[in-house]
Amino acid sequence: MKYLNLGSTGLKVSRICLGMMSYGNPPDPGDPSWRDWHLSREDAEPIVRRAVEAGVTFFDTADMYAQGASERVTGDLLKSLFPRREDYVLATKVYFPMGAGPNDRGLSRGHVLDAVDASLRRLGTDYVDLYQIHRWDEDTPIEETMEALNDVVRSGKARYIGASSMYAWQFAKAQEVARANGWARFVTMQNHYNLLYREEEREMIPLCADQGVGVLPYSPLARGLLTGTRERAGRGITTRSGDDPLADEMYGDADFDIVDAVRALAARLDVPPARVALSWLMSRPSVTAPIVGATKPHHVEDAIASLDLALTPDQTAPLEALYRPHGVLGHH
């Protein structure tokens, strides 16, 4: 495993971050966040264990993943697999609804302070290393949110704060509000970024590079498309690809030209397509660690092996040349 600093902080993280979204069924089987590909703690344990054995120390979840069940499973597994809390880096998020009430969501001071306490209870820890806002809240002044997040850091409930999926002007505004008031600033940006979706290269990633903000791409394999789990007609060939409506909204048939090129290069190199796609992503400027989801052991193996796959410019140029611009995906 390779390790590097999280953005411009002194915190070291593994080059692979294990995404915990797939773990933990919600208490109510009728919950709309439930998917057939969610794994129980028992099924998730050997996958997470393999990641830990390979040196992964960075784990990402969110309060809304399976309505809190992911945080409970994450906290339980990490406590059982690491001898000390200091041995792993834990990230979670706040924003999406966690109840039926109008104040059970968003980034108001009240919800941020309530949500971090609830997350810590579910995770079974006194602090998270990285507390992230899951989206931009149009209904709350950013000054209110940044002050609340600063209080979370000053209270010791989070070591650092991060953001996810917003426009570059919004991110810059939030950072300036924090700077002007002497509050904690975002040290990471978790954004939608992969070979099929590169719109973040226009403004957000250059901004992060200039400001020393670490980039944590989510959906690094385009919800499985870059691994070959879908066909051009949209039909999924795995459990997740057959029950993942967001993938149908985000990607289209034109993107399969890149998928085919990735498959062809992977065949020439005699490696799985996932390794090619992850290797390309980790070579991009400012990328600290992609958030890699894993529901099968080989998903972890491919992520780890991608660290040792160095693609040449001659190999990546054909993949990049096929890119077609997209509308903004993931900010809302």
Protein backbone atom coordinates (compact mmCIF):
# COMPACT_ATOMS: atom_id res chain seq x y z
CA MET A 1 0.00 0.00 0.00
CA LYS A 2 1.04 3.57 -0.64
CA TYR A 3 0.24 6.47 1.68
CA LEU A 4 0.20 10.21 1.21
CA ASN A 5 -1.01 13.36 2.89
CA LEU A 6 -4.69 14.21 2.81
CA GLY A 7 -4.60 17.42 0.80
CA SER A 8 -2.27 19.89 2.47
CA THR A 9 -2.84 18.45 5.94
CA GLY A 10 -0.39 16.34 7.90
CA LEU A 11 -2.80 13.40 8.03
CA LYS A 12 -1.59 10.32 6.14
CA VAL A 13 -4.13 8.17 4.31
CA SER A 14 -3.93 5.06 2.15
CA ARG A 15 -3.99 5.66 -1.60
CA ILE A 16 -7.21 3.63 -1.75
CA CYS A 17 -10.25 4.66 0.30
CA LEU A 18 -12.77 1.89 0.85
CA GLY A 19 -16.31 3.15 0.31
CA MET A 20 -18.72 1.63 2.84
CA MET A 21 -22.00 2.56 1.13
CA SER A 22 -22.77 -1.05 0.17
CA TYR A 23 -22.70 -2.38 3.72
CA GLY A 24 -25.64 -2.59 6.09
CA ASN A 25 -29.29 -3.22 5.29
CA PRO A 26 -31.69 -0.59 6.68
CA PRO A 27 -34.02 -1.59 9.54
CA ASP A 28 -37.07 -1.19 7.30
CA PRO A 29 -36.92 -3.34 4.14
CA GLY A 30 -39.29 -0.87 2.47
CA ASP A 31 -36.82 1.97 2.83
CA PRO A 32 -36.11 3.49 -0.62
CA SER A 33 -32.37 3.54 0.09
CA TRP A 34 -32.29 -0.27 0.28
CA ARG A 35 -30.77 -2.14 -2.67
CA ASP A 36 -30.35 -5.83 -3.40
CA TRP A 37 -26.57 -5.34 -3.43
CA HIS A 38 -26.32 -4.12 0.18
CA LEU A 39 -24.25 -6.55 2.24
CA SER A 40 -24.81 -7.54 5.84
CA ARG A 41 -22.04 -7.17 8.40
CA GLU A 42 -21.25 -10.87 8.07
CA ASP A 43 -20.92 -10.68 4.28
CA ALA A 44 -18.98 -7.43 4.40
CA GLU A 45 -16.47 -8.57 7.03
CA PRO A 46 -14.15 -10.68 4.80
CA ILE A 47 -14.06 -7.93 2.16
CA VAL A 48 -13.16 -5.22 4.66
CA ARG A 49 -10.69 -7.55 6.35
CA ARG A 50 -8.89 -8.14 3.06
CA ALA A 51 -8.65 -4.39 2.49
CA VAL A 52 -7.21 -3.90 5.98
CA GLU A 53 -4.71 -6.72 5.45
CA ALA A 54 -3.59 -4.98 2.24
CA GLY A 55 -2.92 -1.77 4.14
CA VAL A 56 -6.09 0.25 3.54
CA THR A 57 -6.53 2.70 6.42
CA PHE A 58 -9.04 5.15 4.89
CA PHE A 59 -12.80 4.45 5.02
CA ASP A 60 -15.71 6.59 3.82
CA THR A 61 -19.40 6.38 4.72
CA ALA A 62 -22.38 8.73 5.23
CA ASP A 63 -25.29 8.99 7.61
CA MET A 64 -27.84 8.46 4.83
CA TYR A 65 -26.32 5.23 3.46
CA ALA A 66 -28.99 2.66 4.31
CA GLN A 67 -30.37 5.23 6.77
CA GLY A 68 -27.55 4.88 9.26
CA ALA A 69 -26.98 1.14 8.92
CA SER A 70 -23.75 1.68 6.98
CA GLU A 71 -22.31 3.77 9.80
CA ARG A 72 -23.22 1.10 12.35
CA VAL A 73 -21.60 -1.68 10.33
CA THR A 74 -18.58 0.49 9.53
CA GLY A 75 -17.95 1.37 13.15
CA ASP A 76 -18.36 -2.21 14.30
CA LEU A 77 -16.07 -3.67 11.64
CA LEU A 78 -13.29 -1.14 12.08
CA LYS A 79 -13.24 -1.56 15.84
CA SER A 80 -12.89 -5.32 15.36
CA LEU A 81 -10.15 -5.09 12.70
CA PHE A 82 -7.88 -2.38 14.11
CA PRO A 83 -6.25 -2.51 17.54
CA ARG A 84 -6.44 1.28 18.01
CA ARG A 85 -8.75 4.07 16.84
CA GLU A 86 -5.64 5.99 15.74
CA ASP A 87 -4.81 3.29 13.19
CA TYR A 88 -7.52 4.20 10.69
CA VAL A 89 -8.97 7.33 9.08
CA LEU A 90 -12.74 7.54 9.16
CA ALA A 91 -14.90 9.86 7.06
CA THR A 92 -18.65 10.40 7.04
CA LYS A 93 -21.10 12.95 5.63
CA VAL A 94 -24.15 15.08 6.42
CA TYR A 95 -26.94 16.65 4.33
CA PHE A 96 -29.50 14.15 3.04
CA PRO A 97 -32.76 13.41 4.93
CA MET A 98 -32.45 11.25 8.03
CA GLY A 99 -36.09 11.59 9.06
CA ALA A 100 -39.48 12.90 7.99
CA GLY A 101 -39.20 16.28 9.69
CA PRO A 102 -38.20 19.47 7.86
CA ASN A 103 -35.16 19.88 10.12
CA ASP A 104 -33.94 16.30 9.67
CA ARG A 105 -31.89 17.30 6.62
CA GLY A 106 -29.73 20.00 5.11
CA LEU A 107 -26.85 22.02 6.53
CA SER A 108 -28.47 24.26 9.12
CA ARG A 109 -26.58 24.69 12.37
CA GLY A 110 -29.18 22.60 14.17
CA HIS A 111 -29.01 19.69 11.78
CA VAL A 112 -25.21 19.68 11.49
CA LEU A 113 -24.79 19.57 15.27
CA ASP A 114 -27.50 16.93 15.71
CA ALA A 115 -26.23 14.86 12.79
CA VAL A 116 -22.60 14.68 13.90
CA ASP A 117 -23.67 13.43 17.33
CA ALA A 118 -25.94 10.83 15.75
CA SER A 119 -23.16 9.69 13.40
CA LEU A 120 -20.69 9.33 16.27
CA ARG A 121 -23.20 7.20 18.20
CA ARG A 122 -23.75 4.91 15.22
CA LEU A 123 -20.02 4.69 14.48
CA GLY A 124 -19.20 4.06 18.13
CA THR A 125 -16.38 6.60 18.24
CA ASP A 126 -15.63 9.94 19.86
CA TYR A 127 -14.56 11.62 16.62
CA VAL A 128 -14.37 11.27 12.86
CA ASP A 129 -11.23 12.26 11.01
CA LEU A 130 -13.11 13.87 8.13
CA TYR A 131 -16.65 15.31 8.34
CA GLN A 132 -18.02 16.16 4.90
CA ILE A 133 -21.03 18.05 3.61
CA HIS A 134 -22.70 15.72 1.14
CA ARG A 135 -24.13 18.47 -1.09
CA TRP A 136 -24.63 22.26 -1.18
CA ASP A 137 -27.66 23.50 0.78
CA GLU A 138 -29.57 26.17 -1.14
CA ASP A 139 -31.76 26.88 1.90
CA THR A 140 -29.03 27.67 4.44
CA PRO A 141 -26.57 30.58 4.35
CA ILE A 142 -23.08 29.21 3.86
CA GLU A 143 -21.91 31.36 6.78
CA GLU A 144 -24.20 29.39 9.10
CA THR A 145 -22.93 26.07 7.80
CA MET A 146 -19.25 26.96 7.97
CA GLU A 147 -19.54 28.29 11.51
CA ALA A 148 -21.33 25.12 12.61
CA LEU A 149 -18.65 22.95 10.97
CA ASN A 150 -15.96 25.03 12.67
CA ASP A 151 -17.65 24.34 16.00
CA VAL A 152 -17.67 20.62 15.21
CA VAL A 153 -13.91 20.75 14.66
CA ARG A 154 -13.23 22.91 17.74
CA SER A 155 -15.28 20.54 19.88
CA GLY A 156 -13.04 17.65 18.83
CA LYS A 157 -15.83 15.72 17.13
CA ALA A 158 -14.07 16.01 13.76
CA ARG A 159 -10.41 16.54 12.95
CA TYR A 160 -10.98 18.01 9.48
CA ILE A 161 -13.88 18.96 7.22
CA GLY A 162 -14.51 18.21 3.57
CA ALA A 163 -17.06 18.93 0.85
CA SER A 164 -18.67 16.99 -1.98
CA SER A 165 -20.31 17.65 -5.35
CA MET A 166 -20.87 21.35 -5.91
CA TYR A 167 -19.94 24.07 -8.37
CA ALA A 168 -16.45 25.54 -8.12
CA TRP A 169 -17.84 29.01 -7.33
CA GLN A 170 -19.76 27.55 -4.38
CA PHE A 171 -16.68 25.80 -3.06
CA ALA A 172 -14.61 28.97 -3.43
CA LYS A 173 -17.28 31.00 -1.62
CA ALA A 174 -17.36 28.55 1.29
CA GLN A 175 -13.58 28.58 1.59
CA GLU A 176 -13.46 32.39 1.57
CA VAL A 177 -16.17 32.65 4.23
CA ALA A 178 -14.14 30.31 6.43
CA ARG A 179 -10.87 32.14 5.76
CA ALA A 180 -12.34 35.56 6.48
CA ASN A 181 -13.71 34.41 9.83
CA GLY A 182 -10.76 32.29 10.92
CA TRP A 183 -12.83 29.11 10.75
CA ALA A 184 -11.83 25.61 9.65
CA ARG A 185 -11.61 25.28 5.88
CA PHE A 186 -12.41 22.28 3.71
CA VAL A 187 -9.35 20.12 3.14
CA THR A 188 -10.95 17.73 0.63
CA MET A 189 -13.39 17.65 -2.26
CA GLN A 190 -15.22 14.37 -2.89
CA ASN A 191 -16.53 14.72 -6.42
CA HIS A 192 -17.85 12.70 -9.34
CA TYR A 193 -14.81 11.91 -11.47
CA ASN A 194 -13.83 9.03 -13.74
CA LEU A 195 -12.89 8.30 -17.35
CA LEU A 196 -16.52 8.72 -18.45
CA TYR A 197 -17.17 11.95 -16.52
CA ARG A 198 -14.38 14.55 -16.56
CA GLU A 199 -16.30 17.81 -16.27
CA GLU A 200 -14.59 18.45 -12.92
CA GLU A 201 -11.36 19.06 -14.83
CA ARG A 202 -12.74 22.36 -16.12
CA GLU A 203 -12.86 24.32 -12.84
CA MET A 204 -13.08 22.27 -9.65
CA ILE A 205 -9.89 20.24 -9.94
CA PRO A 206 -7.72 23.22 -10.96
CA LEU A 207 -9.17 25.10 -7.98
CA CYS A 208 -8.31 22.21 -5.66
CA ALA A 209 -4.80 21.98 -7.09
CA ASP A 210 -4.24 25.70 -6.55
CA GLN A 211 -5.54 25.62 -2.97
CA GLY A 212 -3.95 22.35 -1.84
CA VAL A 213 -7.28 20.57 -1.47
CA GLY A 214 -7.23 16.78 -1.79
CA VAL A 215 -9.55 15.23 -4.39
CA LEU A 216 -11.42 12.06 -3.40
CA PRO A 217 -13.26 10.89 -6.53
CA TYR A 218 -16.45 8.94 -5.97
CA SER A 219 -17.80 6.51 -8.56
CA PRO A 220 -14.26 5.99 -9.93
CA LEU A 221 -15.50 3.06 -12.02
CA ALA A 222 -18.64 4.85 -13.23
CA ARG A 223 -20.93 2.68 -11.10
CA GLY A 224 -19.39 -0.40 -12.64
CA LEU A 225 -19.58 0.56 -16.31
CA LEU A 226 -15.79 0.71 -16.57
CA THR A 227 -15.55 -2.85 -15.25
CA GLY A 228 -17.85 -4.27 -17.93
CA THR A 229 -20.98 -4.78 -15.81
CA ARG A 230 -23.31 -3.23 -18.38
CA GLU A 231 -23.99 -3.60 -22.05
CA ARG A 232 -24.72 -0.82 -24.55
CA ALA A 233 -28.43 -1.39 -24.33
CA GLY A 234 -28.24 -0.59 -20.62
CA ARG A 235 -28.93 -4.08 -19.34
CA GLY A 236 -26.99 -4.89 -16.19
CA ILE A 237 -25.23 -8.23 -15.85
CA THR A 238 -24.56 -8.06 -12.07
CA THR A 239 -26.86 -7.61 -9.08
CA ARG A 240 -25.86 -3.99 -8.61
CA SER A 241 -25.93 -3.00 -12.28
CA GLY A 242 -29.42 -4.49 -12.52
CA ASP A 243 -30.67 -2.42 -9.58
CA ASP A 244 -28.91 0.95 -9.90
CA PRO A 245 -31.17 3.57 -11.50
CA LEU A 246 -28.60 6.35 -11.02
CA ALA A 247 -26.28 4.69 -13.52
CA ASP A 248 -29.02 4.88 -16.15
CA GLU A 249 -29.39 8.62 -15.47
CA MET A 250 -25.69 9.44 -15.50
CA TYR A 251 -24.28 7.53 -18.45
CA GLY A 252 -25.39 6.75 -21.99
CA ASP A 253 -24.51 4.66 -25.02
CA ALA A 254 -21.88 7.17 -26.21
CA ASP A 255 -19.83 6.43 -23.10
CA PHE A 256 -19.36 2.83 -24.18
CA ASP A 257 -16.76 3.89 -26.74
CA ILE A 258 -14.46 4.58 -23.79
CA VAL A 259 -15.60 1.42 -22.02
CA ASP A 260 -14.64 -0.60 -25.10
CA ALA A 261 -11.26 1.12 -25.29
CA VAL A 262 -10.58 0.37 -21.62
CA ARG A 263 -11.49 -3.27 -22.18
CA ALA A 264 -9.20 -3.46 -25.20
CA LEU A 265 -6.24 -1.97 -23.33
CA ALA A 266 -6.91 -4.23 -20.34
CA ALA A 267 -6.91 -7.26 -22.65
CA ARG A 268 -3.54 -6.24 -24.12
CA LEU A 269 -2.10 -5.78 -20.64
CA ASP A 270 -3.77 -8.97 -19.39
CA VAL A 271 -5.41 -7.20 -16.43
CA PRO A 272 -9.05 -6.55 -15.48
CA PRO A 273 -10.56 -3.30 -16.87
CA ALA A 274 -11.04 -1.93 -13.33
CA ARG A 275 -7.29 -1.75 -12.85
CA VAL A 276 -6.85 0.32 -16.00
CA ALA A 277 -9.60 2.76 -15.02
CA LEU A 278 -8.30 3.18 -11.47
CA SER A 279 -4.69 3.55 -12.57
CA TRP A 280 -5.69 6.35 -14.94
CA LEU A 281 -7.64 8.14 -12.21
CA MET A 282 -4.86 7.96 -9.62
CA SER A 283 -2.46 9.52 -12.10
CA ARG A 284 -4.57 12.68 -12.38
CA PRO A 285 -3.50 15.92 -10.65
CA SER A 286 -4.61 16.43 -7.02
CA VAL A 287 -6.26 13.01 -6.72
CA THR A 288 -5.51 11.71 -3.24
CA ALA A 289 -7.56 8.52 -3.08
CA PRO A 290 -10.53 7.26 -5.10
CA ILE A 291 -13.51 6.04 -3.08
CA VAL A 292 -13.69 2.40 -4.17
CA GLY A 293 -16.77 0.34 -3.38
CA ALA A 294 -16.37 -3.42 -3.03
CA THR A 295 -19.04 -6.08 -2.80
CA LYS A 296 -16.80 -8.97 -3.89
CA PRO A 297 -13.23 -9.87 -2.84
CA HIS A 298 -11.84 -9.32 -6.32
CA HIS A 299 -12.99 -5.69 -6.21
CA VAL A 300 -10.47 -5.12 -3.41
CA GLU A 301 -7.77 -7.04 -5.27
CA ASP A 302 -8.25 -4.94 -8.40
CA ALA A 303 -8.08 -1.70 -6.43
CA ILE A 304 -4.87 -2.72 -4.67
CA ALA A 305 -3.26 -4.01 -7.86
CA SER A 306 -4.03 -0.77 -9.71
CA LEU A 307 -1.43 0.96 -7.54
CA ASP A 308 1.29 -0.99 -9.33
CA LEU A 309 -0.05 -0.43 -12.84
CA ALA A 310 1.63 2.58 -14.45
CA LEU A 311 0.02 3.50 -17.78
CA THR A 312 2.08 5.31 -20.39
CA PRO A 313 0.88 8.43 -22.24
CA ASP A 314 0.60 6.34 -25.40
CA GLN A 315 -1.79 4.02 -23.58
CA THR A 316 -3.96 6.69 -21.96
CA ALA A 317 -4.19 9.10 -24.91
CA PRO A 318 -6.66 6.94 -26.88
CA LEU A 319 -8.89 6.61 -23.79
CA GLU A 320 -8.93 10.36 -23.23
CA ALA A 321 -9.47 11.23 -26.91
CA LEU A 322 -12.84 9.47 -26.92
CA TYR A 323 -14.30 11.66 -24.16
CA ARG A 324 -17.55 13.49 -24.90
CA PRO A 325 -18.73 16.41 -22.70
CA HIS A 326 -21.59 15.79 -20.28
CA GLY A 327 -24.07 17.97 -18.52
CA VAL A 328 -23.37 18.48 -14.84
CA LEU A 329 -23.96 15.22 -12.99
CA GLY A 330 -24.02 14.75 -9.24
CA HIS A 331 -24.41 18.26 -7.81
CA HIS A 332 -28.06 17.85 -6.83
